[in-house]
Amino acid sequence: MASEQVLGLDITRVVKAKPGAVYDAFTRPDDMKKWWGPEGMTCPRCEVDARPGGAYATIMEAPDGTQRHVRGTFTDVEPGRKVAYTWAW
């Protein structure tokens, strides 16, 4: 009998910014659109429901028009302090 395997990735990064500003960058669609995605891509769509169990959905668009859809669910949210979420292409 095969067991279900859950994959995870924890990323921690130190950013020279106040925690509230980083929190806003991950939870406010207009802020996320400014930086979401690799260099050279834009984010024409960003929807965020920043609460445990809430979802987000984004589209990253390359200069040639190719789009990459990313979505996920917020698993842990502490306003102004912490954001944890799943990621799916």
PDB file of N, CA and C in Angstrom:
ATOM      1  N   MET A   1       0.843  -1.177   0.000  1.00  0.00           N
ATOM      2  CA  MET A   1       0.000   0.000   0.000  1.00  0.00           C
ATOM      3  C   MET A   1       0.890   1.241   0.000  1.00  0.00           C
ATOM      4  N   ALA A   2       0.665   2.128  -0.938  1.00  0.00           N
ATOM      5  CA  ALA A   2       1.461   3.360  -1.047  1.00  0.00           C
ATOM      6  C   ALA A   2       0.960   4.391  -0.045  1.00  0.00           C
ATOM      7  N   SER A   3       1.891   5.105   0.542  1.00  0.00           N
ATOM      8  CA  SER A   3       1.500   6.161   1.474  1.00  0.00           C
ATOM      9  C   SER A   3       1.503   7.498   0.740  1.00  0.00           C
ATOM     10  N   GLU A   4       0.670   8.394   1.208  1.00  0.00           N
ATOM     11  CA  GLU A   4       0.601   9.721   0.599  1.00  0.00           C
ATOM     12  C   GLU A   4       1.780  10.548   1.094  1.00  0.00           C
ATOM     13  N   GLN A   5       2.482  11.155   0.177  1.00  0.00           N
ATOM     14  CA  GLN A   5       3.645  11.957   0.518  1.00  0.00           C
ATOM     15  C   GLN A   5       3.306  13.435   0.362  1.00  0.00           C
ATOM     16  N   VAL A   6       3.620  14.213   1.362  1.00  0.00           N
ATOM     17  CA  VAL A   6       3.383  15.648   1.320  1.00  0.00           C
ATOM     18  C   VAL A   6       4.731  16.335   1.177  1.00  0.00           C
ATOM     19  N   LEU A   7       4.857  17.130   0.139  1.00  0.00           N
ATOM     20  CA  LEU A   7       6.090  17.871  -0.093  1.00  0.00           C
ATOM     21  C   LEU A   7       5.933  19.274   0.457  1.00  0.00           C
ATOM     22  N   GLY A   8       7.005  19.818   0.963  1.00  0.00           N
ATOM     23  CA  GLY A   8       6.953  21.172   1.491  1.00  0.00           C
ATOM     24  C   GLY A   8       8.261  21.898   1.255  1.00  0.00           C
ATOM     25  N   LEU A   9       8.199  23.189   1.284  1.00  0.00           N
ATOM     26  CA  LEU A   9       9.372  24.030   1.123  1.00  0.00           C
ATOM     27  C   LEU A   9       9.179  25.240   2.017  1.00  0.00           C
ATOM     28  N   ASP A  10      10.090  25.437   2.929  1.00  0.00           N
ATOM     29  CA  ASP A  10      10.054  26.627   3.781  1.00  0.00           C
ATOM     30  C   ASP A  10      11.160  27.554   3.320  1.00  0.00           C
ATOM     31  N   ILE A  11      10.795  28.794   3.050  1.00  0.00           N
ATOM     32  CA  ILE A  11      11.771  29.789   2.634  1.00  0.00           C
ATOM     33  C   ILE A  11      11.760  30.903   3.670  1.00  0.00           C
ATOM     34  N   THR A  12      12.934  31.217   4.158  1.00  0.00           N
ATOM     35  CA  THR A  12      13.077  32.325   5.094  1.00  0.00           C
ATOM     36  C   THR A  12      14.053  33.308   4.495  1.00  0.00           C
ATOM     37  N   ARG A  13      13.700  34.567   4.539  1.00  0.00           N
ATOM     38  CA  ARG A  13      14.562  35.597   3.981  1.00  0.00           C
ATOM     39  C   ARG A  13      14.510  36.820   4.887  1.00  0.00           C
ATOM     40  N   VAL A  14      15.656  37.428   5.090  1.00  0.00           N
ATOM     41  CA  VAL A  14      15.721  38.661   5.853  1.00  0.00           C
ATOM     42  C   VAL A  14      15.615  39.818   4.870  1.00  0.00           C
ATOM     43  N   VAL A  15      14.658  40.699   5.117  1.00  0.00           N
ATOM     44  CA  VAL A  15      14.404  41.825   4.242  1.00  0.00           C
ATOM     45  C   VAL A  15      14.541  43.108   5.069  1.00  0.00           C
ATOM     46  N   LYS A  16      15.229  44.086   4.514  1.00  0.00           N
ATOM     47  CA  LYS A  16      15.384  45.366   5.206  1.00  0.00           C
ATOM     48  C   LYS A  16      14.108  46.180   5.041  1.00  0.00           C
ATOM     49  N   ALA A  17      13.092  45.784   5.767  1.00  0.00           N
ATOM     50  CA  ALA A  17      11.802  46.476   5.739  1.00  0.00           C
ATOM     51  C   ALA A  17      11.068  46.131   7.029  1.00  0.00           C
ATOM     52  N   LYS A  18      10.141  46.972   7.387  1.00  0.00           N
ATOM     53  CA  LYS A  18       9.334  46.697   8.566  1.00  0.00           C
ATOM     54  C   LYS A  18       8.407  45.524   8.275  1.00  0.00           C
ATOM     55  N   PRO A  19       8.144  44.674   9.294  1.00  0.00           N
ATOM     56  CA  PRO A  19       7.275  43.511   9.075  1.00  0.00           C
ATOM     57  C   PRO A  19       5.927  43.869   8.448  1.00  0.00           C
ATOM     58  N   GLY A  20       5.344  44.978   8.852  1.00  0.00           N
ATOM     59  CA  GLY A  20       4.051  45.373   8.288  1.00  0.00           C
ATOM     60  C   GLY A  20       4.120  45.648   6.798  1.00  0.00           C
ATOM     61  N   ALA A  21       5.235  46.225   6.340  1.00  0.00           N
ATOM     62  CA  ALA A  21       5.401  46.504   4.913  1.00  0.00           C
ATOM     63  C   ALA A  21       5.541  45.206   4.114  1.00  0.00           C
ATOM     64  N   VAL A  22       6.261  44.236   4.673  1.00  0.00           N
ATOM     65  CA  VAL A  22       6.405  42.934   4.005  1.00  0.00           C
ATOM     66  C   VAL A  22       5.060  42.216   3.981  1.00  0.00           C
ATOM     67  N   TYR A  23       4.356  42.267   5.086  1.00  0.00           N
ATOM     68  CA  TYR A  23       3.024  41.660   5.149  1.00  0.00           C
ATOM     69  C   TYR A  23       2.122  42.256   4.063  1.00  0.00           C
ATOM     70  N   ASP A  24       2.111  43.582   3.956  1.00  0.00           N
ATOM     71  CA  ASP A  24       1.297  44.242   2.929  1.00  0.00           C
ATOM     72  C   ASP A  24       1.694  43.805   1.523  1.00  0.00           C
ATOM     73  N   ALA A  25       2.991  43.626   1.291  1.00  0.00           N
ATOM     74  CA  ALA A  25       3.478  43.225  -0.037  1.00  0.00           C
ATOM     75  C   ALA A  25       2.948  41.849  -0.445  1.00  0.00           C
ATOM     76  N   PHE A  26       2.614  41.011   0.535  1.00  0.00           N
ATOM     77  CA  PHE A  26       2.099  39.671   0.255  1.00  0.00           C
ATOM     78  C   PHE A  26       0.577  39.572   0.351  1.00  0.00           C
ATOM     79  N   THR A  27      -0.092  40.607   0.851  1.00  0.00           N
ATOM     80  CA  THR A  27      -1.532  40.483   1.087  1.00  0.00           C
ATOM     81  C   THR A  27      -2.379  41.546   0.403  1.00  0.00           C
ATOM     82  N   ARG A  28      -1.765  42.544  -0.166  1.00  0.00           N
ATOM     83  CA  ARG A  28      -2.517  43.585  -0.885  1.00  0.00           C
ATOM     84  C   ARG A  28      -2.269  43.424  -2.386  1.00  0.00           C
ATOM     85  N   PRO A  29      -3.318  43.148  -3.151  1.00  0.00           N
ATOM     86  CA  PRO A  29      -3.132  42.902  -4.589  1.00  0.00           C
ATOM     87  C   PRO A  29      -2.345  43.994  -5.318  1.00  0.00           C
ATOM     88  N   ASP A  30      -2.621  45.247  -5.050  1.00  0.00           N
ATOM     89  CA  ASP A  30      -1.904  46.315  -5.756  1.00  0.00           C
ATOM     90  C   ASP A  30      -0.417  46.311  -5.407  1.00  0.00           C
ATOM     91  N   ASP A  31      -0.078  45.947  -4.170  1.00  0.00           N
ATOM     92  CA  ASP A  31       1.327  45.841  -3.775  1.00  0.00           C
ATOM     93  C   ASP A  31       1.980  44.611  -4.411  1.00  0.00           C
ATOM     94  N   MET A  32       1.262  43.472  -4.414  1.00  0.00           N
ATOM     95  CA  MET A  32       1.819  42.247  -5.004  1.00  0.00           C
ATOM     96  C   MET A  32       2.111  42.423  -6.494  1.00  0.00           C
ATOM     97  N   LYS A  33       1.243  43.113  -7.192  1.00  0.00           N
ATOM     98  CA  LYS A  33       1.420  43.301  -8.636  1.00  0.00           C
ATOM     99  C   LYS A  33       2.735  44.008  -8.969  1.00  0.00           C
ATOM    100  N   LYS A  34       3.253  44.788  -8.039  1.00  0.00           N
ATOM    101  CA  LYS A  34       4.481  45.537  -8.270  1.00  0.00           C
ATOM    102  C   LYS A  34       5.721  44.656  -8.293  1.00  0.00           C
ATOM    103  N   TRP A  35       5.684  43.484  -7.641  1.00  0.00           N
ATOM    104  CA  TRP A  35       6.900  42.674  -7.529  1.00  0.00           C
ATOM    105  C   TRP A  35       6.713  41.191  -7.846  1.00  0.00           C
ATOM    106  N   TRP A  36       5.492  40.721  -7.940  1.00  0.00           N
ATOM    107  CA  TRP A  36       5.238  39.283  -8.065  1.00  0.00           C
ATOM    108  C   TRP A  36       5.760  38.740  -9.391  1.00  0.00           C
ATOM    109  N   GLY A  37       6.600  37.741  -9.338  1.00  0.00           N
ATOM    110  CA  GLY A  37       7.117  37.089 -10.527  1.00  0.00           C
ATOM    111  C   GLY A  37       8.563  37.435 -10.796  1.00  0.00           C
ATOM    112  N   PRO A  38       9.188  36.672 -11.665  1.00  0.00           N
ATOM    113  CA  PRO A  38      10.581  36.922 -12.025  1.00  0.00           C
ATOM    114  C   PRO A  38      10.759  38.254 -12.741  1.00  0.00           C
ATOM    115  N   GLU A  39      11.976  38.729 -12.763  1.00  0.00           N
ATOM    116  CA  GLU A  39      12.297  39.975 -13.458  1.00  0.00           C
ATOM    117  C   GLU A  39      11.838  39.891 -14.918  1.00  0.00           C
ATOM    118  N   GLY A  40      11.232  40.959 -15.398  1.00  0.00           N
ATOM    119  CA  GLY A  40      10.772  41.010 -16.782  1.00  0.00           C
ATOM    120  C   GLY A  40       9.320  40.608 -16.960  1.00  0.00           C
ATOM    121  N   MET A  41       8.724  40.015 -15.931  1.00  0.00           N
ATOM    122  CA  MET A  41       7.323  39.613 -16.019  1.00  0.00           C
ATOM    123  C   MET A  41       6.454  40.626 -15.288  1.00  0.00           C
ATOM    124  N   THR A  42       5.200  40.695 -15.705  1.00  0.00           N
ATOM    125  CA  THR A  42       4.224  41.538 -15.024  1.00  0.00           C
ATOM    126  C   THR A  42       3.203  40.643 -14.338  1.00  0.00           C
ATOM    127  N   CYS A  43       2.362  41.248 -13.541  1.00  0.00           N
ATOM    128  CA  CYS A  43       1.313  40.515 -12.835  1.00  0.00           C
ATOM    129  C   CYS A  43      -0.019  41.207 -13.123  1.00  0.00           C
ATOM    130  N   PRO A  44      -0.664  40.870 -14.256  1.00  0.00           N
ATOM    131  CA  PRO A  44      -1.902  41.554 -14.618  1.00  0.00           C
ATOM    132  C   PRO A  44      -3.115  41.159 -13.774  1.00  0.00           C
ATOM    133  N   ARG A  45      -3.030  40.036 -13.063  1.00  0.00           N
ATOM    134  CA  ARG A  45      -4.159  39.600 -12.224  1.00  0.00           C
ATOM    135  C   ARG A  45      -3.638  39.159 -10.873  1.00  0.00           C
ATOM    136  N   CYS A  46      -4.275  39.658  -9.823  1.00  0.00           N
ATOM    137  CA  CYS A  46      -3.910  39.262  -8.475  1.00  0.00           C
ATOM    138  C   CYS A  46      -5.141  39.399  -7.590  1.00  0.00           C
ATOM    139  N   GLU A  47      -5.575  38.285  -7.041  1.00  0.00           N
ATOM    140  CA  GLU A  47      -6.710  38.277  -6.121  1.00  0.00           C
ATOM    141  C   GLU A  47      -6.232  37.673  -4.812  1.00  0.00           C
ATOM    142  N   VAL A  48      -6.571  38.307  -3.692  1.00  0.00           N
ATOM    143  CA  VAL A  48      -6.064  37.875  -2.395  1.00  0.00           C
ATOM    144  C   VAL A  48      -7.171  37.912  -1.347  1.00  0.00           C
ATOM    145  N   ASP A  49      -7.322  36.815  -0.621  1.00  0.00           N
ATOM    146  CA  ASP A  49      -8.203  36.734   0.547  1.00  0.00           C
ATOM    147  C   ASP A  49      -7.314  36.274   1.705  1.00  0.00           C
ATOM    148  N   ALA A  50      -6.617  37.232   2.322  1.00  0.00           N
ATOM    149  CA  ALA A  50      -5.566  36.938   3.303  1.00  0.00           C
ATOM    150  C   ALA A  50      -6.136  36.610   4.679  1.00  0.00           C
ATOM    151  N   ARG A  51      -6.557  35.361   4.822  1.00  0.00           N
ATOM    152  CA  ARG A  51      -7.021  34.830   6.101  1.00  0.00           C
ATOM    153  C   ARG A  51      -6.778  33.335   6.054  1.00  0.00           C
ATOM    154  N   PRO A  52      -6.603  32.689   7.202  1.00  0.00           N
ATOM    155  CA  PRO A  52      -6.419  31.235   7.168  1.00  0.00           C
ATOM    156  C   PRO A  52      -7.566  30.563   6.406  1.00  0.00           C
ATOM    157  N   GLY A  53      -7.222  29.768   5.404  1.00  0.00           N
ATOM    158  CA  GLY A  53      -8.217  29.123   4.558  1.00  0.00           C
ATOM    159  C   GLY A  53      -8.609  29.952   3.348  1.00  0.00           C
ATOM    160  N   GLY A  54      -8.228  31.223   3.338  1.00  0.00           N
ATOM    161  CA  GLY A  54      -8.504  32.098   2.198  1.00  0.00           C
ATOM    162  C   GLY A  54      -7.560  31.765   1.050  1.00  0.00           C
ATOM    163  N   ALA A  55      -7.908  32.194  -0.131  1.00  0.00           N
ATOM    164  CA  ALA A  55      -7.133  31.847  -1.318  1.00  0.00           C
ATOM    165  C   ALA A  55      -6.519  33.078  -1.974  1.00  0.00           C
ATOM    166  N   TYR A  56      -5.534  32.813  -2.824  1.00  0.00           N
ATOM    167  CA  TYR A  56      -4.986  33.850  -3.696  1.00  0.00           C
ATOM    168  C   TYR A  56      -4.852  33.242  -5.088  1.00  0.00           C
ATOM    169  N   ALA A  57      -4.882  34.093  -6.093  1.00  0.00           N
ATOM    170  CA  ALA A  57      -4.694  33.663  -7.480  1.00  0.00           C
ATOM    171  C   ALA A  57      -4.000  34.792  -8.225  1.00  0.00           C
ATOM    172  N   THR A  58      -2.954  34.439  -8.967  1.00  0.00           N
ATOM    173  CA  THR A  58      -2.225  35.441  -9.734  1.00  0.00           C
ATOM    174  C   THR A  58      -1.954  34.921 -11.141  1.00  0.00           C
ATOM    175  N   ILE A  59      -1.673  35.855 -12.015  1.00  0.00           N
ATOM    176  CA  ILE A  59      -1.178  35.524 -13.350  1.00  0.00           C
ATOM    177  C   ILE A  59       0.113  36.300 -13.530  1.00  0.00           C
ATOM    178  N   MET A  60       1.173  35.583 -13.900  1.00  0.00           N
ATOM    179  CA  MET A  60       2.435  36.223 -14.264  1.00  0.00           C
ATOM    180  C   MET A  60       2.515  36.186 -15.778  1.00  0.00           C
ATOM    181  N   GLU A  61       2.858  37.315 -16.394  1.00  0.00           N
ATOM    182  CA  GLU A  61       2.885  37.392 -17.854  1.00  0.00           C
ATOM    183  C   GLU A  61       4.263  37.814 -18.341  1.00  0.00           C
ATOM    184  N   ALA A  62       4.808  37.023 -19.261  1.00  0.00           N
ATOM    185  CA  ALA A  62       6.108  37.317 -19.870  1.00  0.00           C
ATOM    186  C   ALA A  62       5.935  38.350 -20.976  1.00  0.00           C
ATOM    187  N   PRO A  63       7.024  38.999 -21.387  1.00  0.00           N
ATOM    188  CA  PRO A  63       6.947  39.989 -22.469  1.00  0.00           C
ATOM    189  C   PRO A  63       6.327  39.446 -23.763  1.00  0.00           C
ATOM    190  N   ASP A  64       6.474  38.133 -24.014  1.00  0.00           N
ATOM    191  CA  ASP A  64       5.906  37.548 -25.235  1.00  0.00           C
ATOM    192  C   ASP A  64       4.428  37.176 -25.085  1.00  0.00           C
ATOM    193  N   GLY A  65       3.847  37.477 -23.900  1.00  0.00           N
ATOM    194  CA  GLY A  65       2.432  37.189 -23.677  1.00  0.00           C
ATOM    195  C   GLY A  65       2.163  35.859 -23.003  1.00  0.00           C
ATOM    196  N   THR A  66       3.183  35.016 -22.852  1.00  0.00           N
ATOM    197  CA  THR A  66       3.013  33.743 -22.164  1.00  0.00           C
ATOM    198  C   THR A  66       2.595  34.003 -20.725  1.00  0.00           C
ATOM    199  N   GLN A  67       1.596  33.266 -20.264  1.00  0.00           N
ATOM    200  CA  GLN A  67       1.105  33.458 -18.907  1.00  0.00           C
ATOM    201  C   GLN A  67       1.335  32.225 -18.047  1.00  0.00           C
ATOM    202  N   ARG A  68       1.621  32.481 -16.791  1.00  0.00           N
ATOM    203  CA  ARG A  68       1.772  31.426 -15.784  1.00  0.00           C
ATOM    204  C   ARG A  68       0.786  31.733 -14.663  1.00  0.00           C
ATOM    205  N   HIS A  69      -0.087  30.790 -14.374  1.00  0.00           N
ATOM    206  CA  HIS A  69      -1.089  30.965 -13.328  1.00  0.00           C
ATOM    207  C   HIS A  69      -0.580  30.327 -12.038  1.00  0.00           C
ATOM    208  N   VAL A  70      -0.688  31.063 -10.951  1.00  0.00           N
ATOM    209  CA  VAL A  70      -0.288  30.561  -9.635  1.00  0.00           C
ATOM    210  C   VAL A  70      -1.460  30.784  -8.691  1.00  0.00           C
ATOM    211  N   ARG A  71      -1.720  29.792  -7.872  1.00  0.00           N
ATOM    212  CA  ARG A  71      -2.792  29.917  -6.892  1.00  0.00           C
ATOM    213  C   ARG A  71      -2.388  29.188  -5.623  1.00  0.00           C
ATOM    214  N   GLY A  72      -3.085  29.460  -4.571  1.00  0.00           N
ATOM    215  CA  GLY A  72      -2.795  28.785  -3.319  1.00  0.00           C
ATOM    216  C   GLY A  72      -3.775  29.190  -2.240  1.00  0.00           C
ATOM    217  N   THR A  73      -3.524  28.649  -1.056  1.00  0.00           N
ATOM    218  CA  THR A  73      -4.368  28.886   0.100  1.00  0.00           C
ATOM    219  C   THR A  73      -3.504  29.389   1.244  1.00  0.00           C
ATOM    220  N   PHE A  74      -3.988  30.370   1.951  1.00  0.00           N
ATOM    221  CA  PHE A  74      -3.278  30.862   3.126  1.00  0.00           C
ATOM    222  C   PHE A  74      -3.464  29.850   4.258  1.00  0.00           C
ATOM    223  N   THR A  75      -2.360  29.421   4.845  1.00  0.00           N
ATOM    224  CA  THR A  75      -2.406  28.445   5.926  1.00  0.00           C
ATOM    225  C   THR A  75      -2.197  29.079   7.294  1.00  0.00           C
ATOM    226  N   ASP A  76      -1.514  30.203   7.340  1.00  0.00           N
ATOM    227  CA  ASP A  76      -1.251  30.895   8.603  1.00  0.00           C
ATOM    228  C   ASP A  76      -1.107  32.382   8.311  1.00  0.00           C
ATOM    229  N   VAL A  77      -1.869  33.183   9.002  1.00  0.00           N
ATOM    230  CA  VAL A  77      -1.829  34.629   8.793  1.00  0.00           C
ATOM    231  C   VAL A  77      -1.862  35.315  10.160  1.00  0.00           C
ATOM    232  N   GLU A  78      -0.879  36.146  10.400  1.00  0.00           N
ATOM    233  CA  GLU A  78      -0.854  37.002  11.574  1.00  0.00           C
ATOM    234  C   GLU A  78      -0.701  38.428  11.039  1.00  0.00           C
ATOM    235  N   PRO A  79      -1.802  39.185  10.977  1.00  0.00           N
ATOM    236  CA  PRO A  79      -1.752  40.520  10.372  1.00  0.00           C
ATOM    237  C   PRO A  79      -0.556  41.358  10.839  1.00  0.00           C
ATOM    238  N   GLY A  80       0.148  41.873   9.840  1.00  0.00           N
ATOM    239  CA  GLY A  80       1.315  42.701  10.104  1.00  0.00           C
ATOM    240  C   GLY A  80       2.570  41.955  10.481  1.00  0.00           C
ATOM    241  N   ARG A  81       2.498  40.599  10.591  1.00  0.00           N
ATOM    242  CA  ARG A  81       3.646  39.823  11.069  1.00  0.00           C
ATOM    243  C   ARG A  81       4.019  38.596  10.227  1.00  0.00           C
ATOM    244  N   LYS A  82       3.032  37.818   9.830  1.00  0.00           N
ATOM    245  CA  LYS A  82       3.351  36.511   9.249  1.00  0.00           C
ATOM    246  C   LYS A  82       2.345  36.122   8.176  1.00  0.00           C
ATOM    247  N   VAL A  83       2.869  35.502   7.121  1.00  0.00           N
ATOM    248  CA  VAL A  83       2.036  34.963   6.046  1.00  0.00           C
ATOM    249  C   VAL A  83       2.625  33.620   5.634  1.00  0.00           C
ATOM    250  N   ALA A  84       1.802  32.587   5.626  1.00  0.00           N
ATOM    251  CA  ALA A  84       2.216  31.275   5.127  1.00  0.00           C
ATOM    252  C   ALA A  84       1.126  30.795   4.179  1.00  0.00           C
ATOM    253  N   TYR A  85       1.544  30.176   3.064  1.00  0.00           N
ATOM    254  CA  TYR A  85       0.555  29.785   2.059  1.00  0.00           C
ATOM    255  C   TYR A  85       1.072  28.616   1.224  1.00  0.00           C
ATOM    256  N   THR A  86       0.142  27.957   0.548  1.00  0.00           N
ATOM    257  CA  THR A  86       0.501  26.895  -0.385  1.00  0.00           C
ATOM    258  C   THR A  86       0.735  27.525  -1.757  1.00  0.00           C
ATOM    259  N   TRP A  87       1.310  26.750  -2.670  1.00  0.00           N
ATOM    260  CA  TRP A  87       1.642  27.237  -4.017  1.00  0.00           C
ATOM    261  C   TRP A  87       1.296  26.144  -5.006  1.00  0.00           C
ATOM    262  N   ALA A  88       0.570  26.482  -6.055  1.00  0.00           N
ATOM    263  CA  ALA A  88       0.255  25.516  -7.109  1.00  0.00           C
ATOM    264  C   ALA A  88       0.283  26.215  -8.459  1.00  0.00           C
ATOM    265  N   TRP A  89       0.900  25.578  -9.462  1.00  0.00           N
ATOM    266  CA  TRP A  89       0.894  26.103 -10.825  1.00  0.00           C
ATOM    267  C   TRP A  89      -0.411  25.783 -11.473  1.00  0.00           C
TER     268      TRP A  89
END
